[in-house]
Full PDB file with SEQRES, HELIX, SHEET, SSBOND, CRYST1, ORIGX, SCALE, CONECT and MASTER records, all heavy atoms in Angstrom:
SEQRES   1 A   34  ASN LEU THR ASP ASP PRO GLU GLY ALA ARG THR ARG ARG          
SEQRES   2 A   34  GLN LEU ARG GLU VAL THR ALA GLN ILE ARG LEU LEU TYR          
SEQRES   3 A   34  CYS SER ARG ASP GLU ALA GLU ALA                              
HELIX    1 AA1 LEU A    2  ASP A    4  5                                   3    
HELIX    2 AA2 ALA A    9  ARG A   16  1                                   8    
HELIX    3 AA3 ARG A   29  GLU A   33  1                                   5    
CRYST1    1.000    1.000    1.000  90.00  90.00  90.00 P 1           1          
ORIGX1      1.000000  0.000000  0.000000        0.00000                         
ORIGX2      0.000000  1.000000  0.000000        0.00000                         
ORIGX3      0.000000  0.000000  1.000000        0.00000                         
SCALE1      1.000000  0.000000  0.000000        0.00000                         
SCALE2      0.000000  1.000000  0.000000        0.00000                         
SCALE3      0.000000  0.000000  1.000000        0.00000                         
ATOM      1  N   ASN A   1      57.186 105.072  24.594  1.00  0.00           N  
ATOM      2  CA  ASN A   1      57.930 104.012  25.139  1.00  0.00           C  
ATOM      3  C   ASN A   1      58.609 103.179  23.903  1.00  0.00           C  
ATOM      4  O   ASN A   1      57.967 102.412  23.247  1.00  0.00           O  
ATOM      5  CB  ASN A   1      57.048 103.030  25.915  1.00  0.00           C  
ATOM      6  CG  ASN A   1      57.804 101.898  26.616  1.00  0.00           C  
ATOM      7  OD1 ASN A   1      58.967 101.624  26.313  1.00  0.00           O  
ATOM      8  ND2 ASN A   1      57.063 101.308  27.528  1.00  0.00           N  
ATOM      9  N   LEU A   2      59.879 103.634  23.581  1.00  0.00           N  
ATOM     10  CA  LEU A   2      60.482 103.000  22.351  1.00  0.00           C  
ATOM     11  C   LEU A   2      60.796 101.668  22.559  1.00  0.00           C  
ATOM     12  O   LEU A   2      61.002 100.872  21.592  1.00  0.00           O  
ATOM     13  CB  LEU A   2      61.646 103.891  22.022  1.00  0.00           C  
ATOM     14  CG  LEU A   2      61.388 105.428  21.667  1.00  0.00           C  
ATOM     15  CD1 LEU A   2      62.718 106.078  21.526  1.00  0.00           C  
ATOM     16  CD2 LEU A   2      60.437 105.488  20.568  1.00  0.00           C  
ATOM     17  N   THR A   3      61.052 101.186  23.786  1.00  0.00           N  
ATOM     18  CA  THR A   3      61.533  99.810  23.968  1.00  0.00           C  
ATOM     19  C   THR A   3      60.439  98.801  23.667  1.00  0.00           C  
ATOM     20  O   THR A   3      60.815  97.725  23.277  1.00  0.00           O  
ATOM     21  CB  THR A   3      62.143  99.525  25.472  1.00  0.00           C  
ATOM     22  OG1 THR A   3      61.062  99.898  26.277  1.00  0.00           O  
ATOM     23  CG2 THR A   3      63.208 100.313  25.662  1.00  0.00           C  
ATOM     24  N   ASP A   4      59.135  99.164  23.938  1.00  0.00           N  
ATOM     25  CA  ASP A   4      58.096  98.233  23.654  1.00  0.00           C  
ATOM     26  C   ASP A   4      57.628  98.431  22.195  1.00  0.00           C  
ATOM     27  O   ASP A   4      56.477  97.739  21.889  1.00  0.00           O  
ATOM     28  CB  ASP A   4      56.868  98.446  24.592  1.00  0.00           C  
ATOM     29  CG  ASP A   4      57.237  98.045  26.050  1.00  0.00           C  
ATOM     30  OD1 ASP A   4      58.326  97.314  26.219  1.00  0.00           O  
ATOM     31  OD2 ASP A   4      56.602  98.392  26.927  1.00  0.00           O  
ATOM     32  N   ASP A   5      58.237  99.119  21.472  1.00  0.00           N  
ATOM     33  CA  ASP A   5      57.703  99.460  19.982  1.00  0.00           C  
ATOM     34  C   ASP A   5      58.871  99.436  18.993  1.00  0.00           C  
ATOM     35  O   ASP A   5      59.184 100.398  18.421  1.00  0.00           O  
ATOM     36  CB  ASP A   5      57.113 100.743  20.063  1.00  0.00           C  
ATOM     37  CG  ASP A   5      56.327 101.143  18.766  1.00  0.00           C  
ATOM     38  OD1 ASP A   5      55.860 100.104  18.003  1.00  0.00           O  
ATOM     39  OD2 ASP A   5      56.087 102.274  18.392  1.00  0.00           O  
ATOM     40  N   PRO A   6      59.509  98.181  18.880  1.00  0.00           N  
ATOM     41  CA  PRO A   6      60.708  98.190  17.960  1.00  0.00           C  
ATOM     42  C   PRO A   6      60.441  98.573  16.488  1.00  0.00           C  
ATOM     43  O   PRO A   6      61.258  99.030  15.801  1.00  0.00           O  
ATOM     44  CB  PRO A   6      61.172  96.763  18.088  1.00  0.00           C  
ATOM     45  CG  PRO A   6      60.000  95.958  18.580  1.00  0.00           C  
ATOM     46  CD  PRO A   6      59.126  96.924  19.417  1.00  0.00           C  
ATOM     47  N   GLU A   7      59.229  98.238  16.022  1.00  0.00           N  
ATOM     48  CA  GLU A   7      58.925  98.606  14.631  1.00  0.00           C  
ATOM     49  C   GLU A   7      58.472 100.036  14.498  1.00  0.00           C  
ATOM     50  O   GLU A   7      58.397 100.537  13.389  1.00  0.00           O  
ATOM     51  CB  GLU A   7      57.824  97.595  14.077  1.00  0.00           C  
ATOM     52  CG  GLU A   7      58.170  96.207  14.020  1.00  0.00           C  
ATOM     53  CD  GLU A   7      59.339  95.992  13.190  1.00  0.00           C  
ATOM     54  OE1 GLU A   7      59.433  96.495  12.132  1.00  0.00           O  
ATOM     55  OE2 GLU A   7      60.226  95.089  13.747  1.00  0.00           O  
ATOM     56  N   GLY A   8      58.115 100.656  15.557  1.00  0.00           N  
ATOM     57  CA  GLY A   8      57.717 102.188  15.560  1.00  0.00           C  
ATOM     58  C   GLY A   8      56.393 102.441  15.066  1.00  0.00           C  
ATOM     59  O   GLY A   8      55.879 103.619  15.026  1.00  0.00           O  
ATOM     60  N   ALA A   9      55.410 101.414  15.049  1.00  0.00           N  
ATOM     61  CA  ALA A   9      54.042 101.573  14.650  1.00  0.00           C  
ATOM     62  C   ALA A   9      53.354 102.507  15.714  1.00  0.00           C  
ATOM     63  O   ALA A   9      52.600 103.419  15.387  1.00  0.00           O  
ATOM     64  CB  ALA A   9      53.337 100.256  14.492  1.00  0.00           C  
ATOM     65  N   ARG A  10      53.419 102.149  16.943  1.00  0.00           N  
ATOM     66  CA  ARG A  10      52.862 102.850  17.952  1.00  0.00           C  
ATOM     67  C   ARG A  10      53.299 104.261  18.039  1.00  0.00           C  
ATOM     68  O   ARG A  10      52.551 105.286  18.309  1.00  0.00           O  
ATOM     69  CB  ARG A  10      52.886 102.135  19.398  1.00  0.00           C  
ATOM     70  CG  ARG A  10      52.049 102.892  20.459  1.00  0.00           C  
ATOM     71  CD  ARG A  10      51.947 102.156  21.768  1.00  0.00           C  
ATOM     72  NE  ARG A  10      52.712 100.948  21.853  1.00  0.00           N  
ATOM     73  CZ  ARG A  10      53.550 100.543  22.820  1.00  0.00           C  
ATOM     74  NH1 ARG A  10      53.875 101.436  23.763  1.00  0.00           N  
ATOM     75  NH2 ARG A  10      54.161  99.438  22.822  1.00  0.00           N  
ATOM     76  N   THR A  11      54.594 104.488  17.952  1.00  0.00           N  
ATOM     77  CA  THR A  11      55.220 105.783  18.021  1.00  0.00           C  
ATOM     78  C   THR A  11      54.656 106.611  16.984  1.00  0.00           C  
ATOM     79  O   THR A  11      54.303 107.780  17.205  1.00  0.00           O  
ATOM     80  CB  THR A  11      56.759 105.678  17.866  1.00  0.00           C  
ATOM     81  OG1 THR A  11      57.367 104.795  18.866  1.00  0.00           O  
ATOM     82  CG2 THR A  11      57.429 107.043  17.939  1.00  0.00           C  
ATOM     83  N   ARG A  12      54.608 106.071  15.749  1.00  0.00           N  
ATOM     84  CA  ARG A  12      54.033 106.900  14.510  1.00  0.00           C  
ATOM     85  C   ARG A  12      52.639 107.213  14.840  1.00  0.00           C  
ATOM     86  O   ARG A  12      52.186 108.425  14.655  1.00  0.00           O  
ATOM     87  CB  ARG A  12      54.072 106.035  13.356  1.00  0.00           C  
ATOM     88  CG  ARG A  12      55.401 105.909  12.700  1.00  0.00           C  
ATOM     89  CD  ARG A  12      55.495 105.345  11.332  1.00  0.00           C  
ATOM     90  NE  ARG A  12      54.989 103.974  11.131  1.00  0.00           N  
ATOM     91  CZ  ARG A  12      55.731 102.838  11.404  1.00  0.00           C  
ATOM     92  NH1 ARG A  12      56.987 103.040  11.718  1.00  0.00           N  
ATOM     93  NH2 ARG A  12      55.141 101.668  11.390  1.00  0.00           N  
ATOM     94  N   ARG A  13      51.804 106.357  15.491  1.00  0.00           N  
ATOM     95  CA  ARG A  13      50.305 106.621  15.701  1.00  0.00           C  
ATOM     96  C   ARG A  13      50.350 107.787  16.818  1.00  0.00           C  
ATOM     97  O   ARG A  13      49.538 108.703  16.668  1.00  0.00           O  
ATOM     98  CB  ARG A  13      49.616 105.486  16.262  1.00  0.00           C  
ATOM     99  CG  ARG A  13      48.187 105.595  16.569  1.00  0.00           C  
ATOM    100  CD  ARG A  13      47.527 104.362  17.021  1.00  0.00           C  
ATOM    101  NE  ARG A  13      48.266 103.691  18.155  1.00  0.00           N  
ATOM    102  CZ  ARG A  13      48.213 104.118  19.443  1.00  0.00           C  
ATOM    103  NH1 ARG A  13      47.702 105.187  19.824  1.00  0.00           N  
ATOM    104  NH2 ARG A  13      48.962 103.331  20.328  1.00  0.00           N  
ATOM    105  N   GLN A  14      51.108 107.621  17.829  1.00  0.00           N  
ATOM    106  CA  GLN A  14      51.142 108.618  18.893  1.00  0.00           C  
ATOM    107  C   GLN A  14      51.571 110.041  18.500  1.00  0.00           C  
ATOM    108  O   GLN A  14      51.062 111.014  18.817  1.00  0.00           O  
ATOM    109  CB  GLN A  14      52.103 108.182  20.077  1.00  0.00           C  
ATOM    110  CG  GLN A  14      51.482 106.995  20.954  1.00  0.00           C  
ATOM    111  CD  GLN A  14      52.514 106.644  21.962  1.00  0.00           C  
ATOM    112  OE1 GLN A  14      53.519 106.122  21.698  1.00  0.00           O  
ATOM    113  NE2 GLN A  14      52.222 107.060  23.233  1.00  0.00           N  
ATOM    114  N   LEU A  15      52.596 110.119  17.580  1.00  0.00           N  
ATOM    115  CA  LEU A  15      53.021 111.362  17.004  1.00  0.00           C  
ATOM    116  C   LEU A  15      51.808 111.914  16.187  1.00  0.00           C  
ATOM    117  O   LEU A  15      51.900 113.242  16.149  1.00  0.00           O  
ATOM    118  CB  LEU A  15      54.373 111.143  16.241  1.00  0.00           C  
ATOM    119  CG  LEU A  15      55.556 110.726  17.139  1.00  0.00           C  
ATOM    120  CD1 LEU A  15      56.694 110.536  16.164  1.00  0.00           C  
ATOM    121  CD2 LEU A  15      55.845 111.885  17.975  1.00  0.00           C  
ATOM    122  N   ARG A  16      51.168 111.226  15.387  1.00  0.00           N  
ATOM    123  CA  ARG A  16      50.129 111.816  14.550  1.00  0.00           C  
ATOM    124  C   ARG A  16      48.931 112.355  15.351  1.00  0.00           C  
ATOM    125  O   ARG A  16      48.254 113.219  14.860  1.00  0.00           O  
ATOM    126  CB  ARG A  16      49.487 110.618  13.607  1.00  0.00           C  
ATOM    127  CG  ARG A  16      50.287 110.305  12.531  1.00  0.00           C  
ATOM    128  CD  ARG A  16      49.612 109.433  11.439  1.00  0.00           C  
ATOM    129  NE  ARG A  16      50.508 108.759  10.540  1.00  0.00           N  
ATOM    130  CZ  ARG A  16      50.869 107.583  10.589  1.00  0.00           C  
ATOM    131  NH1 ARG A  16      50.393 106.661  11.554  1.00  0.00           N  
ATOM    132  NH2 ARG A  16      51.674 106.974   9.803  1.00  0.00           N  
ATOM    133  N   GLU A  17      48.856 111.874  16.617  1.00  0.00           N  
ATOM    134  CA  GLU A  17      47.737 112.339  17.459  1.00  0.00           C  
ATOM    135  C   GLU A  17      48.063 113.899  17.977  1.00  0.00           C  
ATOM    136  O   GLU A  17      47.116 114.482  18.412  1.00  0.00           O  
ATOM    137  CB  GLU A  17      47.558 111.489  18.707  1.00  0.00           C  
ATOM    138  CG  GLU A  17      46.926 110.188  18.322  1.00  0.00           C  
ATOM    139  CD  GLU A  17      46.961 109.179  19.467  1.00  0.00           C  
ATOM    140  OE1 GLU A  17      47.460 109.417  20.569  1.00  0.00           O  
ATOM    141  OE2 GLU A  17      46.495 107.982  19.229  1.00  0.00           O  
ATOM    142  N   VAL A  18      49.406 114.326  17.848  1.00  0.00           N  
ATOM    143  CA  VAL A  18      49.686 115.612  18.362  1.00  0.00           C  
ATOM    144  C   VAL A  18      49.320 116.637  17.238  1.00  0.00           C  
ATOM    145  O   VAL A  18      49.726 116.407  16.029  1.00  0.00           O  
ATOM    146  CB  VAL A  18      51.179 115.654  18.635  1.00  0.00           C  
ATOM    147  CG1 VAL A  18      51.613 117.030  18.948  1.00  0.00           C  
ATOM    148  CG2 VAL A  18      51.652 114.725  19.665  1.00  0.00           C  
ATOM    149  N   THR A  19      48.540 117.697  17.532  1.00  0.00           N  
ATOM    150  CA  THR A  19      48.088 118.528  16.601  1.00  0.00           C  
ATOM    151  C   THR A  19      49.014 119.793  16.425  1.00  0.00           C  
ATOM    152  O   THR A  19      48.756 120.568  15.416  1.00  0.00           O  
ATOM    153  CB  THR A  19      46.661 119.149  17.029  1.00  0.00           C  
ATOM    154  OG1 THR A  19      46.732 119.809  18.261  1.00  0.00           O  
ATOM    155  CG2 THR A  19      45.631 117.973  17.121  1.00  0.00           C  
ATOM    156  N   ALA A  20      49.915 120.012  17.352  1.00  0.00           N  
ATOM    157  CA  ALA A  20      50.870 121.196  17.159  1.00  0.00           C  
ATOM    158  C   ALA A  20      51.953 120.953  16.193  1.00  0.00           C  
ATOM    159  O   ALA A  20      52.397 119.828  16.072  1.00  0.00           O  
ATOM    160  CB  ALA A  20      51.460 121.516  18.577  1.00  0.00           C  
ATOM    161  N   GLN A  21      52.244 122.131  15.433  1.00  0.00           N  
ATOM    162  CA  GLN A  21      53.382 121.978  14.456  1.00  0.00           C  
ATOM    163  C   GLN A  21      54.758 122.197  15.218  1.00  0.00           C  
ATOM    164  O   GLN A  21      55.729 121.782  14.660  1.00  0.00           O  
ATOM    165  CB  GLN A  21      53.250 122.937  13.410  1.00  0.00           C  
ATOM    166  CG  GLN A  21      51.945 122.572  12.515  1.00  0.00           C  
ATOM    167  CD  GLN A  21      51.799 123.683  11.438  1.00  0.00           C  
ATOM    168  OE1 GLN A  21      51.412 124.846  11.680  1.00  0.00           O  
ATOM    169  NE2 GLN A  21      52.181 123.303  10.120  1.00  0.00           N  
ATOM    170  N   ILE A  22      54.728 122.856  16.328  1.00  0.00           N  
ATOM    171  CA  ILE A  22      55.930 123.037  17.146  1.00  0.00           C  
ATOM    172  C   ILE A  22      55.955 121.910  18.159  1.00  0.00           C  
ATOM    173  O   ILE A  22      54.978 121.697  19.024  1.00  0.00           O  
ATOM    174  CB  ILE A  22      55.842 124.379  17.863  1.00  0.00           C  
ATOM    175  CG1 ILE A  22      55.575 125.433  16.872  1.00  0.00           C  
ATOM    176  CG2 ILE A  22      57.182 124.543  18.611  1.00  0.00           C  
ATOM    177  CD1 ILE A  22      56.646 125.727  15.759  1.00  0.00           C  
ATOM    178  N   ARG A  23      57.046 121.194  18.269  1.00  0.00           N  
ATOM    179  CA  ARG A  23      57.237 120.083  19.194  1.00  0.00           C  
ATOM    180  C   ARG A  23      58.554 120.267  19.957  1.00  0.00           C  
ATOM    181  O   ARG A  23      59.555 120.331  19.369  1.00  0.00           O  
ATOM    182  CB  ARG A  23      57.139 118.766  18.447  1.00  0.00           C  
ATOM    183  CG  ARG A  23      55.757 118.538  17.732  1.00  0.00           C  
ATOM    184  CD  ARG A  23      55.784 117.673  16.573  1.00  0.00           C  
ATOM    185  NE  ARG A  23      54.627 117.655  15.867  1.00  0.00           N  
ATOM    186  CZ  ARG A  23      53.720 116.591  15.844  1.00  0.00           C  
ATOM    187  NH1 ARG A  23      54.089 115.493  16.345  1.00  0.00           N  
ATOM    188  NH2 ARG A  23      52.715 116.759  15.170  1.00  0.00           N  
ATOM    189  N   LEU A  24      58.340 120.088  21.191  1.00  0.00           N  
ATOM    190  CA  LEU A  24      59.537 120.079  22.128  1.00  0.00           C  
ATOM    191  C   LEU A  24      59.798 118.678  22.554  1.00  0.00           C  
ATOM    192  O   LEU A  24      58.954 117.935  23.114  1.00  0.00           O  
ATOM    193  CB  LEU A  24      59.252 120.887  23.475  1.00  0.00           C  
ATOM    194  CG  LEU A  24      58.761 122.305  23.198  1.00  0.00           C  
ATOM    195  CD1 LEU A  24      58.515 122.997  24.549  1.00  0.00           C  
ATOM    196  CD2 LEU A  24      59.632 123.088  22.350  1.00  0.00           C  
ATOM    197  N   LEU A  25      60.881 118.087  22.150  1.00  0.00           N  
ATOM    198  CA  LEU A  25      61.130 116.588  22.298  1.00  0.00           C  
ATOM    199  C   LEU A  25      62.356 116.490  23.283  1.00  0.00           C  
ATOM    200  O   LEU A  25      63.405 117.037  23.195  1.00  0.00           O  
ATOM    201  CB  LEU A  25      61.754 116.036  20.969  1.00  0.00           C  
ATOM    202  CG  LEU A  25      62.229 114.587  21.080  1.00  0.00           C  
ATOM    203  CD1 LEU A  25      61.134 113.618  21.440  1.00  0.00           C  
ATOM    204  CD2 LEU A  25      62.805 114.231  19.664  1.00  0.00           C  
ATOM    205  N   TYR A  26      61.994 115.601  24.346  1.00  0.00           N  
ATOM    206  CA  TYR A  26      62.999 115.403  25.343  1.00  0.00           C  
ATOM    207  C   TYR A  26      63.519 113.874  25.290  1.00  0.00           C  
ATOM    208  O   TYR A  26      62.558 113.048  25.421  1.00  0.00           O  
ATOM    209  CB  TYR A  26      62.418 115.646  26.855  1.00  0.00           C  
ATOM    210  CG  TYR A  26      63.458 115.231  27.961  1.00  0.00           C  
ATOM    211  CD1 TYR A  26      64.507 116.070  28.261  1.00  0.00           C  
ATOM    212  CD2 TYR A  26      63.384 114.106  28.663  1.00  0.00           C  
ATOM    213  CE1 TYR A  26      65.403 115.822  29.369  1.00  0.00           C  
ATOM    214  CE2 TYR A  26      64.153 113.631  29.597  1.00  0.00           C  
ATOM    215  CZ  TYR A  26      65.190 114.545  29.909  1.00  0.00           C  
ATOM    216  OH  TYR A  26      66.074 114.216  30.912  1.00  0.00           O  
ATOM    217  N   CYS A  27      64.675 113.642  24.931  1.00  0.00           N  
ATOM    218  CA  CYS A  27      65.125 112.216  24.810  1.00  0.00           C  
ATOM    219  C   CYS A  27      66.699 112.240  24.798  1.00  0.00           C  
ATOM    220  O   CYS A  27      67.292 113.269  24.823  1.00  0.00           O  
ATOM    221  CB  CYS A  27      64.641 111.673  23.446  1.00  0.00           C  
ATOM    222  SG  CYS A  27      65.154 112.613  21.990  1.00  0.00           S  
ATOM    223  N   SER A  28      67.117 110.988  24.643  1.00  0.00           N  
ATOM    224  CA  SER A  28      68.609 110.781  24.419  1.00  0.00           C  
ATOM    225  C   SER A  28      68.920 111.030  22.913  1.00  0.00           C  
ATOM    226  O   SER A  28      67.976 110.989  22.042  1.00  0.00           O  
ATOM    227  CB  SER A  28      69.026 109.496  24.928  1.00  0.00           C  
ATOM    228  OG  SER A  28      68.680 108.448  24.008  1.00  0.00           O  
ATOM    229  N   ARG A  29      70.147 111.021  22.565  1.00  0.00           N  
ATOM    230  CA  ARG A  29      70.560 111.264  21.225  1.00  0.00           C  
ATOM    231  C   ARG A  29      70.083 110.031  20.239  1.00  0.00           C  
ATOM    232  O   ARG A  29      69.580 110.031  19.251  1.00  0.00           O  
ATOM    233  CB  ARG A  29      72.047 111.435  21.072  1.00  0.00           C  
ATOM    234  CG  ARG A  29      72.341 111.839  19.514  1.00  0.00           C  
ATOM    235  CD  ARG A  29      73.884 111.885  19.291  1.00  0.00           C  
ATOM    236  NE  ARG A  29      74.179 112.485  17.990  1.00  0.00           N  
ATOM    237  CZ  ARG A  29      73.745 111.962  16.950  1.00  0.00           C  
ATOM    238  NH1 ARG A  29      73.267 110.756  16.756  1.00  0.00           N  
ATOM    239  NH2 ARG A  29      73.968 112.606  15.731  1.00  0.00           N  
ATOM    240  N   ASP A  30      70.400 108.746  20.889  1.00  0.00           N  
ATOM    241  CA  ASP A  30      70.018 107.457  20.193  1.00  0.00           C  
ATOM    242  C   ASP A  30      68.449 107.509  20.060  1.00  0.00           C  
ATOM    243  O   ASP A  30      67.960 106.994  18.969  1.00  0.00           O  
ATOM    244  CB  ASP A  30      70.508 106.294  20.949  1.00  0.00           C  
ATOM    245  CG  ASP A  30      72.025 106.228  20.885  1.00  0.00           C  
ATOM    246  OD1 ASP A  30      72.582 106.778  20.011  1.00  0.00           O  
ATOM    247  OD2 ASP A  30      72.602 105.545  21.730  1.00  0.00           O  
ATOM    248  N   GLU A  31      67.702 107.886  21.016  1.00  0.00           N  
ATOM    249  CA  GLU A  31      66.266 107.929  20.961  1.00  0.00           C  
ATOM    250  C   GLU A  31      65.714 108.880  19.985  1.00  0.00           C  
ATOM    251  O   GLU A  31      64.757 108.718  19.266  1.00  0.00           O  
ATOM    252  CB  GLU A  31      65.617 108.214  22.395  1.00  0.00           C  
ATOM    253  CG  GLU A  31      65.834 107.049  23.327  1.00  0.00           C  
ATOM    254  CD  GLU A  31      65.363 107.471  24.705  1.00  0.00           C  
ATOM    255  OE1 GLU A  31      65.495 108.672  25.116  1.00  0.00           O  
ATOM    256  OE2 GLU A  31      64.930 106.518  25.495  1.00  0.00           O  
ATOM    257  N   ALA A  32      66.482 110.061  19.784  1.00  0.00           N  
ATOM    258  CA  ALA A  32      66.155 111.055  18.801  1.00  0.00           C  
ATOM    259  C   ALA A  32      66.151 110.536  17.340  1.00  0.00           C  
ATOM    260  O   ALA A  32      65.401 110.820  16.600  1.00  0.00           O  
ATOM    261  CB  ALA A  32      67.002 112.260  18.882  1.00  0.00           C  
ATOM    262  N   GLU A  33      67.065 109.631  17.189  1.00  0.00           N  
ATOM    263  CA  GLU A  33      67.174 108.964  15.779  1.00  0.00           C  
ATOM    264  C   GLU A  33      65.909 108.243  15.576  1.00  0.00           C  
ATOM    265  O   GLU A  33      65.309 108.208  14.496  1.00  0.00           O  
ATOM    266  CB  GLU A  33      68.428 108.240  15.681  1.00  0.00           C  
ATOM    267  CG  GLU A  33      69.777 109.066  15.668  1.00  0.00           C  
ATOM    268  CD  GLU A  33      70.885 108.216  15.489  1.00  0.00           C  
ATOM    269  OE1 GLU A  33      70.803 106.978  15.223  1.00  0.00           O  
ATOM    270  OE2 GLU A  33      72.019 108.860  15.633  1.00  0.00           O  
ATOM    271  N   ALA A  34      65.500 107.398  16.549  1.00  0.00           N  
ATOM    272  CA  ALA A  34      64.263 106.642  16.424  1.00  0.00           C  
ATOM    273  C   ALA A  34      62.968 107.416  16.240  1.00  0.00           C  
ATOM    274  O   ALA A  34      62.140 107.097  15.526  1.00  0.00           O  
ATOM    275  CB  ALA A  34      64.180 105.621  17.502  1.00  0.00           C  
TER     276      ALA A  34                                                      
MASTER        0    0    0    3    0    0    0    6  275    1    0    3          
END                                                                             
């Protein structure tokens, strides 16, 4: 949820929890940058 996490701290934590090296990302182009 990028809107509730403007600094990206929660996003970084959530991404670190993923153990796979291959990641399928579904998002908009603007969200992809974040």
